Amino acid sequence: MGALAGAGAGAVVSAAAPPQLSGFPPVLAPDARVLLLGSFPGVASLDVGQYYAHPRNQFWRLLGACLEVEALHLMPYEERLRVAVRHRVGIWDVVASCRRQGSLDAAVTEAEVNPLAAYLKVHAPRLECIGFNGGLSWKLGHHLADYGYRVFRLASSSPAAAMYSFEQKLEQWRPLFACRS
């Protein structure tokens, strides 16, 4: 609760709850070997209905470098998804729905987690490795190691993770993609 400026002495107004938000379906083929799991789409992504749509998010550049597809981040969104699927890489988020003001993971409340283990067993039976793109996805999903997956905690591709350079992030991401062979 906080006082609303100009509402008069002692007036208290409760802040409205952040909206209930829903994430995206997985981009995942049955022959996927690698899965990149984020936490939940940011505002820019939700606005356009695309994974990693913020122009400063390095996800598509990192993925392109790992797949040796130089201009992946410059391709139309649907083509980026086709390239990922062709390279046996899936994309999804750990959180199915939540409340959040803004885009930061720290603002996520009332998170409902996707049924990861059950879904992956049925829909991606050849999956071997899972990379967690950032801290919240790791915190909520690293238990997938208990189901036989090799798990990797990755530096976040988010512009909020500015403590790592692109090259440092890439160094952390590359080992995940050895699982595709």
Protein backbone atom coordinates (compact mmCIF):
# COMPACT_ATOMS: atom_id res chain seq x y z
CA MET A 1 0.00 0.00 0.00
CA GLY A 2 1.19 3.47 -0.72
CA ALA A 3 -0.09 6.99 -0.48
CA LEU A 4 -1.27 8.53 -3.72
CA ALA A 5 0.26 11.95 -4.28
CA GLY A 6 -2.34 14.69 -4.30
CA ALA A 7 -5.04 12.49 -2.78
CA GLY A 8 -5.04 14.39 0.49
CA ALA A 9 -3.37 13.77 3.82
CA GLY A 10 -3.57 10.17 4.97
CA ALA A 11 -5.23 8.88 1.80
CA VAL A 12 -4.09 5.34 1.02
CA VAL A 13 -4.69 3.64 -2.29
CA SER A 14 -3.84 0.00 -2.96
CA ALA A 15 -1.83 -0.74 -6.05
CA ALA A 16 -3.62 -2.81 -8.66
CA ALA A 17 -2.37 -6.37 -9.01
CA PRO A 18 -0.23 -6.95 -12.09
CA PRO A 19 -2.12 -8.62 -14.94
CA GLN A 20 -2.30 -12.40 -15.33
CA LEU A 21 -0.15 -13.24 -18.34
CA SER A 22 0.09 -16.40 -20.45
CA GLY A 23 3.20 -17.60 -22.25
CA PHE A 24 3.70 -19.23 -25.63
CA PRO A 25 3.41 -22.84 -26.77
CA PRO A 26 6.65 -24.75 -27.26
CA VAL A 27 8.57 -24.75 -30.52
CA LEU A 28 9.59 -28.37 -30.39
CA ALA A 29 9.80 -31.22 -32.90
CA PRO A 30 9.81 -34.91 -31.88
CA ASP A 31 13.44 -35.26 -33.04
CA ALA A 32 14.71 -32.34 -30.91
CA ARG A 33 17.93 -33.07 -29.08
CA VAL A 34 18.39 -29.68 -27.38
CA LEU A 35 15.84 -27.50 -25.62
CA LEU A 36 16.37 -23.89 -24.63
CA LEU A 37 14.13 -22.98 -21.71
CA GLY A 38 13.61 -19.36 -20.79
CA SER A 39 11.62 -18.16 -17.82
CA PHE A 40 8.71 -16.22 -19.34
CA PRO A 41 8.35 -13.87 -22.34
CA GLY A 42 9.15 -10.22 -21.75
CA VAL A 43 6.78 -7.38 -22.56
CA ALA A 44 8.20 -6.87 -26.08
CA SER A 45 7.77 -10.58 -26.83
CA LEU A 46 4.23 -10.69 -25.47
CA ASP A 47 3.31 -7.59 -27.49
CA VAL A 48 4.26 -9.23 -30.80
CA GLY A 49 3.73 -12.91 -29.93
CA GLN A 50 7.36 -13.92 -30.58
CA TYR A 51 10.02 -15.51 -28.44
CA TYR A 52 12.90 -13.14 -27.63
CA ALA A 53 11.53 -10.13 -29.54
CA HIS A 54 13.32 -7.39 -27.59
CA PRO A 55 15.86 -5.91 -30.02
CA ARG A 56 18.65 -5.97 -27.41
CA ASN A 57 18.02 -9.57 -26.34
CA GLN A 58 20.93 -11.63 -27.67
CA PHE A 59 19.06 -14.94 -27.88
CA TRP A 60 18.87 -15.15 -31.68
CA ARG A 61 22.48 -14.01 -32.14
CA LEU A 62 23.67 -16.59 -29.60
CA LEU A 63 21.61 -19.36 -31.17
CA GLY A 64 22.84 -18.41 -34.66
CA ALA A 65 26.46 -18.49 -33.50
CA CYS A 66 25.99 -21.88 -31.83
CA LEU A 67 24.30 -23.32 -34.93
CA GLU A 68 26.76 -21.59 -37.28
CA VAL A 69 23.90 -19.77 -38.99
CA GLU A 70 25.45 -16.32 -39.20
CA ALA A 71 22.43 -14.14 -39.98
CA LEU A 72 19.81 -15.99 -37.94
CA HIS A 73 18.92 -12.89 -35.93
CA LEU A 74 18.25 -10.97 -39.18
CA MET A 75 15.84 -13.54 -40.63
CA PRO A 76 12.06 -13.20 -40.35
CA TYR A 77 10.77 -14.77 -37.13
CA GLU A 78 9.08 -17.77 -38.76
CA GLU A 79 12.29 -18.61 -40.61
CA ARG A 80 14.27 -18.43 -37.34
CA LEU A 81 11.89 -20.99 -35.86
CA ARG A 82 12.25 -23.27 -38.90
CA VAL A 83 16.05 -23.09 -38.64
CA ALA A 84 15.93 -24.02 -34.94
CA VAL A 85 13.65 -27.00 -35.63
CA ARG A 86 15.82 -28.14 -38.57
CA HIS A 87 18.81 -28.12 -36.22
CA ARG A 88 16.85 -30.20 -33.65
CA VAL A 89 16.62 -27.31 -31.19
CA GLY A 90 13.45 -26.53 -29.26
CA ILE A 91 12.40 -23.31 -27.54
CA TRP A 92 10.00 -22.96 -24.63
CA ASP A 93 9.61 -21.34 -21.22
CA VAL A 94 9.45 -22.85 -17.77
CA VAL A 95 6.57 -20.60 -16.66
CA ALA A 96 3.21 -21.10 -18.38
CA SER A 97 1.48 -18.13 -16.74
CA CYS A 98 2.17 -15.59 -14.05
CA ARG A 99 1.57 -12.09 -12.84
CA ARG A 100 4.30 -9.60 -13.59
CA GLN A 101 4.70 -5.87 -13.99
CA GLY A 102 7.39 -5.16 -16.59
CA SER A 103 9.79 -7.78 -17.95
CA LEU A 104 12.12 -8.65 -15.07
CA ASP A 105 12.08 -12.19 -13.69
CA ALA A 106 12.32 -10.74 -10.18
CA ALA A 107 8.82 -9.29 -10.67
CA VAL A 108 7.19 -12.68 -11.46
CA THR A 109 4.53 -13.73 -8.96
CA GLU A 110 1.95 -16.52 -8.92
CA ALA A 111 3.97 -18.50 -11.45
CA GLU A 112 2.35 -21.60 -12.88
CA VAL A 113 5.04 -23.90 -14.25
CA ASN A 114 4.61 -25.81 -17.51
CA PRO A 115 4.36 -29.62 -17.10
CA LEU A 116 7.85 -29.99 -18.49
CA ALA A 117 8.83 -33.58 -17.68
CA ALA A 118 5.51 -35.12 -18.74
CA TYR A 119 5.29 -33.06 -21.92
CA LEU A 120 8.87 -33.66 -23.00
CA LYS A 121 8.66 -37.42 -22.47
CA VAL A 122 5.75 -37.63 -24.93
CA HIS A 123 6.54 -34.86 -27.43
CA ALA A 124 10.35 -34.91 -27.55
CA PRO A 125 11.43 -38.47 -26.79
CA ARG A 126 14.94 -37.96 -28.27
CA LEU A 127 15.68 -34.88 -26.18
CA GLU A 128 19.03 -35.11 -24.41
CA CYS A 129 20.09 -31.66 -23.19
CA ILE A 130 18.31 -28.66 -21.74
CA GLY A 131 19.79 -25.18 -21.47
CA PHE A 132 18.26 -22.79 -18.97
CA ASN A 133 18.39 -19.22 -20.25
CA GLY A 134 18.73 -17.31 -16.99
CA GLY A 135 18.36 -17.75 -13.25
CA LEU A 136 14.59 -18.13 -12.82
CA SER A 137 14.32 -20.81 -15.50
CA TRP A 138 17.18 -22.68 -13.78
CA LYS A 139 15.61 -22.32 -10.35
CA LEU A 140 12.24 -23.65 -11.51
CA GLY A 141 13.44 -26.29 -13.96
CA HIS A 142 16.85 -27.73 -13.09
CA HIS A 143 15.10 -30.72 -11.49
CA LEU A 144 14.75 -32.07 -15.04
CA ALA A 145 18.20 -33.56 -14.47
CA ASP A 146 16.33 -36.11 -12.30
CA TYR A 147 14.64 -37.36 -15.50
CA GLY A 148 17.92 -38.15 -17.24
CA TYR A 149 18.46 -34.89 -19.14
CA ARG A 150 21.83 -33.16 -19.16
CA VAL A 151 21.13 -29.66 -17.90
CA PHE A 152 23.11 -26.47 -18.49
CA ARG A 153 22.75 -23.20 -16.62
CA LEU A 154 23.33 -20.50 -19.22
CA ALA A 155 24.07 -16.82 -18.90
CA SER A 156 20.84 -15.02 -19.73
CA SER A 157 20.48 -13.59 -23.21
CA SER A 158 18.47 -10.72 -21.70
CA PRO A 159 19.71 -7.14 -21.94
CA ALA A 160 19.33 -7.08 -18.14
CA ALA A 161 22.28 -9.52 -17.93
CA ALA A 162 24.82 -6.92 -18.99
CA MET A 163 27.55 -8.25 -16.67
CA TYR A 164 28.52 -10.75 -19.39
CA SER A 165 29.70 -9.80 -22.86
CA PHE A 166 28.27 -11.54 -25.91
CA GLU A 167 31.50 -13.57 -26.18
CA GLN A 168 31.29 -14.69 -22.53
CA LYS A 169 27.67 -15.75 -23.00
CA LEU A 170 28.57 -17.62 -26.18
CA GLU A 171 31.31 -19.49 -24.35
CA GLN A 172 28.71 -20.72 -21.84
CA TRP A 173 26.15 -21.59 -24.52
CA ARG A 174 28.33 -23.58 -26.94
CA PRO A 175 28.75 -26.80 -24.89
CA LEU A 176 24.97 -27.30 -24.88
CA PHE A 177 24.96 -27.77 -28.64
CA ALA A 178 27.28 -30.76 -28.60
CA CYS A 179 24.13 -32.74 -27.76
CA ARG A 180 22.80 -32.39 -31.31
CA SER A 181 25.25 -34.88 -32.83
